[in-house]
Protein backbone atom coordinates (compact mmCIF):
# COMPACT_ATOMS: atom_id res chain seq x y z
CA MET A 1 -233.60 35.19 120.18
CA ASN A 2 -231.92 33.99 123.37
CA GLN A 3 -231.35 37.56 124.54
CA LEU A 4 -234.90 38.71 123.77
CA PHE A 5 -236.73 35.78 125.37
CA LYS A 6 -234.11 34.63 127.93
CA LEU A 7 -234.31 31.07 126.62
CA GLN A 8 -231.14 29.82 128.29
CA GLU A 9 -231.93 31.55 131.57
CA ARG A 10 -235.30 29.81 131.74
CA GLY A 11 -233.95 26.45 130.67
CA THR A 12 -235.70 26.09 127.34
CA THR A 13 -234.91 25.99 123.62
CA VAL A 14 -236.36 27.37 120.40
CA GLY A 15 -237.63 23.90 119.46
CA THR A 16 -239.41 23.46 122.78
CA GLU A 17 -241.02 26.89 122.54
CA VAL A 18 -242.23 26.23 118.98
CA LEU A 19 -243.77 22.92 120.08
CA ALA A 20 -245.42 24.70 123.03
CA GLY A 21 -246.82 27.37 120.72
CA ILE A 22 -248.28 24.78 118.35
CA THR A 23 -249.82 22.92 121.30
CA THR A 24 -251.42 26.05 122.74
CA PHE A 25 -252.74 27.07 119.33
CA LEU A 26 -254.36 23.68 118.71
CA THR A 27 -256.12 23.78 122.08
CA MET A 28 -257.63 27.24 121.49
CA VAL A 29 -258.06 27.55 117.71
CA TYR A 30 -261.71 26.57 118.12
CA ILE A 31 -262.31 30.20 119.11
CA VAL A 32 -261.85 31.40 115.49
CA ILE A 33 -264.92 29.35 114.59
CA VAL A 34 -267.01 29.63 117.75
CA ASN A 35 -266.58 33.36 118.41
CA PRO A 36 -267.81 34.52 114.97
CA ALA A 37 -270.62 31.95 115.20
CA VAL A 38 -271.77 33.36 118.55
CA LEU A 39 -271.48 37.02 117.56
CA SER A 40 -273.22 36.43 114.25
CA ASP A 41 -276.27 35.54 116.37
CA ALA A 42 -276.16 39.19 117.45
CA GLY A 43 -276.49 40.26 113.81
CA MET A 44 -272.79 40.81 113.14
CA ASP A 45 -271.15 39.73 109.90
CA PHE A 46 -269.38 36.37 110.30
CA GLN A 47 -266.48 37.16 107.96
CA ALA A 48 -265.80 40.49 109.64
CA VAL A 49 -265.88 39.01 113.14
CA PHE A 50 -263.65 36.15 111.99
CA ILE A 51 -261.02 38.66 110.85
CA ALA A 52 -261.47 40.86 113.94
CA THR A 53 -261.10 37.82 116.22
CA ILE A 54 -257.84 36.76 114.63
CA LEU A 55 -256.28 40.23 114.27
CA THR A 56 -257.10 41.04 117.89
CA SER A 57 -255.64 37.73 119.05
CA ILE A 58 -252.47 38.29 117.02
CA VAL A 59 -251.81 41.78 118.39
CA ALA A 60 -252.66 41.03 122.03
CA THR A 61 -250.70 37.75 122.08
CA LEU A 62 -247.69 39.37 120.40
CA LEU A 63 -247.72 42.14 123.02
CA MET A 64 -247.86 39.51 125.74
CA GLY A 65 -244.98 37.52 124.24
CA ILE A 66 -242.62 40.35 123.31
CA PHE A 67 -243.10 42.83 126.15
CA SER A 68 -244.01 40.52 129.04
CA ASN A 69 -242.15 37.38 127.91
CA TYR A 70 -244.87 35.03 129.12
CA PRO A 71 -246.10 31.90 127.26
CA ILE A 72 -249.68 33.15 127.49
CA ALA A 73 -252.06 33.55 124.56
CA ILE A 74 -254.89 36.09 124.43
CA ALA A 75 -258.09 35.96 122.38
CA PRO A 76 -261.77 36.94 122.69
CA GLY A 77 -263.03 35.16 125.78
CA MET A 78 -265.66 32.47 125.94
CA GLY A 79 -268.51 33.65 128.14
CA MET A 80 -268.02 37.28 127.29
CA ASN A 81 -269.03 36.61 123.71
CA ALA A 82 -272.16 34.83 124.97
CA TYR A 83 -272.95 37.72 127.29
CA PHE A 84 -272.44 40.15 124.41
CA ALA A 85 -274.67 38.26 121.96
CA TYR A 86 -277.40 36.73 124.10
CA SER A 87 -277.73 38.98 127.16
CA VAL A 88 -276.82 42.46 125.95
CA VAL A 89 -277.96 42.36 122.31
CA ALA A 90 -280.66 39.68 122.10
CA GLY A 91 -281.89 39.86 125.69
CA GLY A 92 -281.39 43.57 126.34
CA GLY A 93 -282.51 44.85 122.96
CA ILE A 94 -279.25 46.75 122.54
CA SER A 95 -277.68 47.17 119.10
CA TRP A 96 -274.43 45.34 118.54
CA GLN A 97 -272.85 48.70 117.71
CA ALA A 98 -273.73 50.04 121.17
CA ALA A 99 -272.52 46.78 122.75
CA LEU A 100 -269.17 47.25 121.01
CA GLY A 101 -269.13 50.77 122.44
CA ALA A 102 -269.54 49.33 125.93
CA VAL A 103 -266.64 46.95 125.28
CA PHE A 104 -264.52 49.88 124.08
CA PHE A 105 -265.21 51.89 127.26
CA ALA A 106 -264.46 48.81 129.37
CA GLY A 107 -261.17 48.39 127.49
CA LEU A 108 -260.18 52.01 128.12
CA ILE A 109 -260.96 51.71 131.83
CA PHE A 110 -259.08 48.40 131.96
CA THR A 111 -256.07 50.11 130.37
CA LEU A 112 -256.13 52.90 132.95
CA LEU A 113 -256.54 50.44 135.83
CA SER A 114 -253.63 48.36 134.52
CA LEU A 115 -251.41 51.43 134.89
CA THR A 116 -252.42 51.96 138.52
CA GLY A 117 -252.65 50.02 141.77
CA PHE A 118 -256.44 50.35 141.76
CA ARG A 119 -256.59 47.30 139.50
CA ARG A 120 -255.29 45.09 142.31
CA LEU A 121 -257.65 46.72 144.80
CA LEU A 122 -260.67 46.11 142.59
CA VAL A 123 -259.75 42.46 142.20
CA ASP A 124 -258.96 41.97 145.90
CA VAL A 125 -262.14 43.51 147.36
CA ILE A 126 -264.37 40.93 145.67
CA PRO A 127 -264.55 37.79 147.85
CA ASN A 128 -262.95 34.73 146.29
CA ASN A 129 -266.15 32.72 146.65
CA LEU A 130 -267.99 35.25 144.47
CA LYS A 131 -265.18 35.27 141.90
CA HIS A 132 -265.36 31.48 141.63
CA ALA A 133 -269.15 31.65 141.38
CA ILE A 134 -269.00 34.12 138.49
CA THR A 135 -266.64 31.86 136.55
CA ALA A 136 -268.82 28.81 137.25
CA GLY A 137 -272.01 30.69 136.42
CA ILE A 138 -270.63 31.78 133.06
CA GLY A 139 -269.64 28.17 132.43
CA LEU A 140 -273.17 26.94 133.17
CA PHE A 141 -274.58 29.72 131.00
CA ILE A 142 -272.52 28.91 127.90
CA SER A 143 -273.14 25.17 128.38
CA PHE A 144 -276.86 25.94 128.45
CA ILE A 145 -276.48 27.94 125.24
CA GLY A 146 -274.60 25.02 123.67
CA LEU A 147 -277.35 22.57 124.67
CA GLN A 148 -279.96 24.89 123.17
CA SER A 149 -277.95 25.37 119.98
CA ALA A 150 -277.71 21.60 119.57
CA LYS A 151 -281.45 21.31 120.38
CA ILE A 152 -280.65 18.81 123.11
CA VAL A 153 -282.57 21.23 125.32
CA VAL A 154 -285.63 22.91 123.79
CA ASP A 155 -288.36 25.24 125.00
CA SER A 156 -291.54 23.87 126.57
CA PRO A 157 -294.79 25.76 127.28
CA ALA A 158 -295.34 23.61 130.38
CA THR A 159 -291.87 23.54 131.98
CA LEU A 160 -290.02 26.30 130.05
CA VAL A 161 -287.34 23.81 128.98
CA THR A 162 -287.25 20.08 128.25
CA ILE A 163 -285.15 17.53 126.39
CA GLY A 164 -285.24 17.72 122.62
CA ASN A 165 -285.84 15.01 120.04
CA LEU A 166 -282.53 13.15 120.02
CA THR A 167 -283.46 11.30 116.83
CA GLU A 168 -283.39 14.50 114.77
CA PRO A 169 -280.30 14.35 112.51
CA MET A 170 -278.66 17.57 113.73
CA THR A 171 -279.33 16.81 117.39
CA LEU A 172 -278.04 13.27 117.02
CA LEU A 173 -274.91 14.57 115.30
CA SER A 174 -274.43 17.00 118.20
CA VAL A 175 -274.55 14.13 120.68
CA ILE A 176 -272.03 12.21 118.58
CA GLY A 177 -269.83 15.32 118.40
CA ILE A 178 -269.88 15.66 122.18
CA ALA A 179 -269.01 11.98 122.57
CA ILE A 180 -266.07 12.30 120.15
CA SER A 181 -264.66 15.32 121.99
CA LEU A 182 -265.09 13.62 125.38
CA ILE A 183 -263.25 10.51 124.19
CA LEU A 184 -260.38 12.67 122.89
CA LEU A 185 -260.28 14.57 126.17
CA ALA A 186 -260.32 11.34 128.17
CA TYR A 187 -257.22 10.21 126.26
CA GLN A 188 -255.66 13.68 126.78
CA VAL A 189 -255.26 14.33 123.06
CA LYS A 190 -253.89 17.83 122.41
CA GLY A 191 -256.40 20.04 120.64
CA SER A 192 -259.31 17.74 121.52
CA LEU A 193 -262.02 20.33 120.92
CA PHE A 194 -260.65 21.38 117.54
CA ILE A 195 -260.05 17.80 116.41
CA GLY A 196 -263.56 16.92 117.60
CA MET A 197 -264.90 19.72 115.41
CA ILE A 198 -263.03 18.39 112.38
CA ILE A 199 -264.24 14.80 112.88
CA THR A 200 -267.83 15.96 113.43
CA SER A 201 -267.65 18.11 110.29
CA LEU A 202 -266.45 15.09 108.29
CA LEU A 203 -269.43 13.10 109.57
CA ALA A 204 -271.75 15.98 108.65
CA TRP A 205 -270.31 15.97 105.13
CA LEU A 206 -270.56 12.20 104.78
CA PHE A 207 -274.23 12.24 105.79
CA GLY A 208 -275.06 15.10 103.45
CA MET A 209 -275.63 17.65 106.23
CA MET A 210 -272.85 19.98 105.13
CA GLU A 211 -271.58 21.18 101.77
CA LEU A 212 -267.90 21.82 101.23
CA PRO A 213 -266.93 25.45 100.56
CA ALA A 214 -266.28 26.49 96.98
CA GLN A 215 -262.75 27.44 98.01
CA ILE A 216 -260.49 26.63 100.95
CA PHE A 217 -258.47 29.84 101.05
CA SER A 218 -259.55 33.46 100.73
CA MET A 219 -258.08 36.88 101.27
CA PRO A 220 -259.25 38.48 104.54
CA THR A 221 -261.74 41.06 103.30
CA GLY A 222 -264.92 42.55 104.72
CA LEU A 223 -263.60 43.84 108.06
CA GLU A 224 -265.21 47.23 107.36
CA LYS A 225 -268.62 45.70 108.20
CA THR A 226 -267.71 45.74 111.91
CA ALA A 227 -264.54 47.85 112.18
CA PHE A 228 -265.10 51.22 113.85
CA GLN A 229 -268.86 50.64 113.88
CA MET A 230 -269.12 51.02 117.66
CA ASP A 231 -271.76 53.42 118.90
CA LEU A 232 -270.14 55.32 121.79
CA ALA A 233 -272.92 57.88 122.05
CA GLY A 234 -275.48 55.07 122.26
CA VAL A 235 -273.72 53.68 125.32
CA LEU A 236 -274.19 56.95 127.20
CA GLU A 237 -277.70 57.59 125.89
CA GLN A 238 -278.90 54.13 126.95
CA GLY A 239 -277.00 54.13 130.25
CA LEU A 240 -275.15 50.88 129.64
CA TYR A 241 -273.01 51.33 132.75
CA ALA A 242 -273.82 47.91 134.19
CA VAL A 243 -272.81 46.35 130.88
CA ILE A 244 -269.49 48.21 130.92
CA PHE A 245 -268.92 47.20 134.54
CA THR A 246 -269.70 43.54 133.82
CA PHE A 247 -267.30 43.43 130.88
CA LEU A 248 -264.63 45.17 132.96
CA LEU A 249 -265.08 43.11 136.12
CA ILE A 250 -264.98 39.70 134.48
CA THR A 251 -262.11 40.62 132.17
CA LEU A 252 -260.11 41.96 135.11
CA PHE A 253 -260.15 39.03 137.48
CA ASP A 254 -260.53 36.30 134.85
CA THR A 255 -257.39 37.51 133.11
CA THR A 256 -255.54 38.07 136.39
CA GLY A 257 -256.44 34.60 137.66
CA THR A 258 -255.46 32.90 134.41
CA MET A 259 -252.14 34.74 134.17
CA LEU A 260 -251.23 33.87 137.76
CA GLY A 261 -252.15 30.23 137.20
CA VAL A 262 -250.17 29.82 133.99
CA ALA A 263 -247.16 31.78 135.30
CA GLY A 264 -247.17 29.63 138.44
CA GLN A 265 -247.31 26.44 136.36
CA ALA A 266 -244.34 27.66 134.28
CA GLY A 267 -242.36 28.46 137.45
CA LEU A 268 -242.20 32.17 136.64
CA MET A 269 -243.64 33.51 139.90
CA LYS A 270 -241.12 35.12 142.24
CA ASP A 271 -241.92 35.03 145.97
CA ASN A 272 -245.63 34.74 145.08
CA ASN A 273 -245.31 37.93 143.03
CA PHE A 274 -246.20 38.25 139.35
CA PRO A 275 -243.26 40.00 137.59
CA ARG A 276 -244.13 42.41 134.78
CA ALA A 277 -247.80 42.28 135.77
CA LYS A 278 -248.42 45.76 134.37
CA SER A 279 -247.25 44.94 130.84
CA ALA A 280 -249.05 41.57 130.90
CA LEU A 281 -252.37 43.13 131.86
CA LEU A 282 -251.86 45.96 129.39
CA ALA A 283 -251.59 43.38 126.62
CA ASP A 284 -255.09 42.15 127.44
CA ALA A 285 -256.42 45.68 127.97
CA VAL A 286 -255.13 46.75 124.58
CA GLY A 287 -256.61 43.58 123.09
CA THR A 288 -260.07 44.37 124.49
CA THR A 289 -259.92 47.97 123.27
CA LEU A 290 -258.61 47.03 119.83
CA GLY A 291 -261.14 44.21 119.60
CA ALA A 292 -264.01 46.63 120.19
CA ALA A 293 -262.67 48.91 117.47
CA LEU A 294 -262.34 46.03 114.99
CA GLY A 295 -265.57 44.29 115.94
CA THR A 296 -265.35 41.58 118.60
CA SER A 297 -266.13 40.95 122.27
CA PRO A 298 -263.58 41.39 125.11
CA THR A 299 -260.35 39.43 125.12
CA SER A 300 -258.99 37.31 127.92
CA ALA A 301 -255.85 35.34 128.74
CA TYR A 302 -256.53 31.74 127.76
CA ILE A 303 -256.19 28.96 130.31
CA GLU A 304 -255.44 26.73 127.30
CA SER A 305 -251.97 28.31 127.48
CA SER A 306 -251.29 25.81 130.25
CA ALA A 307 -251.23 23.07 127.58
CA GLY A 308 -248.23 24.75 125.99
CA VAL A 309 -246.56 25.19 129.36
CA ALA A 310 -247.11 21.49 130.04
CA VAL A 311 -244.89 20.59 127.07
CA GLY A 312 -242.14 23.01 128.14
CA GLY A 313 -243.17 26.53 127.10
CA LYS A 314 -241.61 29.10 129.43
CA THR A 315 -241.11 32.28 127.40
CA GLY A 316 -242.87 34.76 125.18
CA LEU A 317 -241.59 32.89 122.13
CA THR A 318 -244.44 30.44 122.72
CA ALA A 319 -246.90 33.33 122.43
CA VAL A 320 -245.19 34.63 119.27
CA VAL A 321 -245.59 31.19 117.64
CA VAL A 322 -249.29 31.21 118.56
CA SER A 323 -249.64 34.63 116.90
CA LEU A 324 -247.97 33.40 113.71
CA LEU A 325 -250.32 30.41 113.54
CA PHE A 326 -253.31 32.73 114.03
CA ALA A 327 -252.02 34.77 111.09
CA ILE A 328 -252.06 31.65 108.91
CA ALA A 329 -255.62 30.85 110.06
CA LEU A 330 -256.67 34.27 108.77
CA PHE A 331 -256.80 32.86 105.22
CA PHE A 332 -259.13 29.94 106.03
CA ALA A 333 -262.37 31.89 106.43
CA PRO A 334 -264.40 29.79 103.94
CA ILE A 335 -263.79 26.63 105.95
CA ALA A 336 -264.50 28.38 109.27
CA GLN A 337 -267.79 29.78 107.97
CA VAL A 338 -269.03 26.39 106.79
CA LEU A 339 -268.10 24.73 110.09
CA ALA A 340 -269.77 27.48 112.11
CA SER A 341 -272.99 27.10 110.13
CA ILE A 342 -273.53 23.60 111.57
CA PRO A 343 -274.68 23.79 115.24
CA ALA A 344 -273.55 20.21 115.88
CA ILE A 345 -269.95 21.30 115.20
CA THR A 346 -269.80 24.33 117.51
CA ALA A 347 -272.21 23.26 120.28
CA PRO A 348 -269.92 20.57 121.80
CA ALA A 349 -267.18 23.19 122.31
CA LEU A 350 -269.60 25.49 124.18
CA ILE A 351 -270.84 22.65 126.39
CA ILE A 352 -267.40 21.29 127.25
CA VAL A 353 -265.73 24.68 127.82
CA GLY A 354 -268.62 25.42 130.19
CA PHE A 355 -267.78 22.24 132.09
CA PHE A 356 -264.15 23.29 132.48
CA MET A 357 -265.23 26.69 133.81
CA MET A 358 -267.44 25.04 136.43
CA ASN A 359 -264.46 23.22 137.96
CA VAL A 360 -263.94 26.20 140.27
CA LEU A 361 -267.07 25.24 142.22
CA ARG A 362 -264.85 23.00 144.31
CA SER A 363 -263.05 26.11 145.59
CA ILE A 364 -266.21 27.67 147.09
CA ASP A 365 -266.61 27.31 150.86
CA TRP A 366 -270.01 25.60 150.86
CA LYS A 367 -270.00 25.20 154.65
CA ASP A 368 -270.19 28.97 155.20
CA PHE A 369 -273.81 29.90 154.43
CA GLU A 370 -273.30 33.65 154.08
CA GLU A 371 -270.50 33.02 151.59
CA ALA A 372 -272.04 30.06 149.79
CA PHE A 373 -275.60 31.27 149.19
CA PRO A 374 -274.67 34.46 147.26
CA ALA A 375 -272.27 32.28 145.23
CA PHE A 376 -275.06 29.78 144.54
CA LEU A 377 -277.36 32.64 143.55
CA ILE A 378 -274.85 33.89 140.98
CA VAL A 379 -274.39 30.43 139.47
CA ILE A 380 -278.07 29.52 139.24
CA THR A 381 -279.46 32.85 138.05
CA MET A 382 -277.05 33.47 135.16
CA PRO A 383 -278.58 30.78 132.90
CA LEU A 384 -282.11 31.13 134.30
CA THR A 385 -282.26 34.89 133.67
CA TYR A 386 -280.11 34.57 130.54
CA SER A 387 -277.97 37.39 131.90
CA ILE A 388 -274.46 37.29 133.37
CA ALA A 389 -274.88 40.83 134.69
CA THR A 390 -278.09 39.97 136.55
CA GLY A 391 -276.50 36.93 138.13
CA ILE A 392 -273.52 38.95 139.33
CA GLY A 393 -275.81 41.73 140.55
CA LEU A 394 -278.05 39.47 142.64
CA GLY A 395 -275.02 37.86 144.28
CA PHE A 396 -273.40 41.22 144.99
CA ILE A 397 -276.64 42.50 146.55
CA VAL A 398 -277.31 39.48 148.78
CA TYR A 399 -273.70 39.06 149.96
CA PRO A 400 -273.47 42.28 152.04
CA MET A 401 -277.08 41.84 153.21
CA LEU A 402 -276.26 38.46 154.78
CA LYS A 403 -273.07 39.83 156.32
CA ILE A 404 -275.00 42.70 157.90
CA MET A 405 -277.66 40.34 159.28
CA ARG A 406 -274.94 38.18 160.82
CA GLY A 407 -273.28 41.21 162.44
CA LYS A 408 -270.29 41.09 160.12
CA ALA A 409 -270.81 44.36 158.28
CA LYS A 410 -267.18 45.36 158.86
CA ASP A 411 -265.99 42.26 156.99
CA VAL A 412 -267.34 43.72 153.75
CA HIS A 413 -265.19 46.23 151.89
CA PRO A 414 -266.90 49.61 151.29
CA ILE A 415 -266.51 49.14 147.53
CA MET A 416 -268.69 46.01 147.78
CA TYR A 417 -271.45 48.12 149.36
CA LEU A 418 -271.13 50.56 146.47
CA PHE A 419 -271.43 47.67 143.99
CA ALA A 420 -274.52 46.39 145.82
CA VAL A 421 -276.25 49.79 145.62
CA LEU A 422 -275.40 50.24 141.94
CA PHE A 423 -276.64 46.77 141.02
CA PHE A 424 -279.82 47.26 143.08
CA ILE A 425 -280.57 50.45 141.15
CA GLN A 426 -279.74 48.80 137.82
CA ILE A 427 -281.81 45.63 138.38
CA GLY A 428 -284.63 47.29 140.30
CA PHE A 429 -285.19 50.27 138.01
CA PHE A 430 -283.72 49.39 134.65
CA GLY A 431 -284.34 45.64 134.46
CA HIS A 432 -280.99 44.59 132.92
């Protein structure tokens, strides 16, 4: 164990790594409930997505822990699942099978890029302000979805949206659920979102809004309803290139940014370099590709891994422990399905995760108009157009335009001009 994970060299112990793994798992286990709930809105089978989510997380996190020796967990990413379900499938009229095909192509490209230096180039040519804006925009988008799911925000013929009836039982329970999670977060309780879900579900049961499942445990069956159902031909026939690019782009720099942040926190960076970057990124690339084959949206390195690092996790043993705990969760599908069926239980997680993602707004240079306005455009248009791809596209089009008008055309990388043209064609002629 010491030889495989270099425990002594990194100044840690098996006990510390196990504690770190448990901590990380508790902070991110909400995804096994929320991800199937979101993707089931796209017409996918909950049980199958539940299994696909966990199996993908197990494999990708094990690869990260064993081959890269980092205390970083990987699972289907928040934001990407919302884009998959609400923008591509519901908003774009694309079948979930074709959407899985787009994820599969994105995973293959991600794998190839992870083996080359072009991955770093693609990440570096996008201005940091736009990267931060994309993260914040996705956060605002999934918070908006959470507010709608809880019916705190409802549609209005006069103003498009308005506040809902907070006295309705489910909406009131949602508000209480948010309050519970916020109190837990304020007191820095580990696993606040998951614990908040459990407390809210108990309240739902007490008030007769939720029935307990007939059984607590079940064998993981039903994966065939999503596994290998991806429609690769449909991706090409419908020209879903912008969808592939959006999945790829966000997965690339979101994962890279998270890995750098967690590795830095754990003191594993060497001279500002990220050792074993290739194997770490390959773990996520394989996760995305495998996830598409099994039936889930793209994976991402989880910033919740920092919770495990905070209690001493420094090696891949932390990730291995997370994988083992995911494997145990695989047998609790009946409970997960009941919890996911109550919007008041899952909506608070969407709203609060969105808040965390919007923290990067502070990193945008708001004093520089030609940098700030495209960033603002990305953030504001994602929820208003109900499309992450459209938000990114509008920002990528306006950014080089402003630079050109200010006589700074040379400051923009040629690849950014290519992105602008491609997005202009996609939005202007294809609509999504």
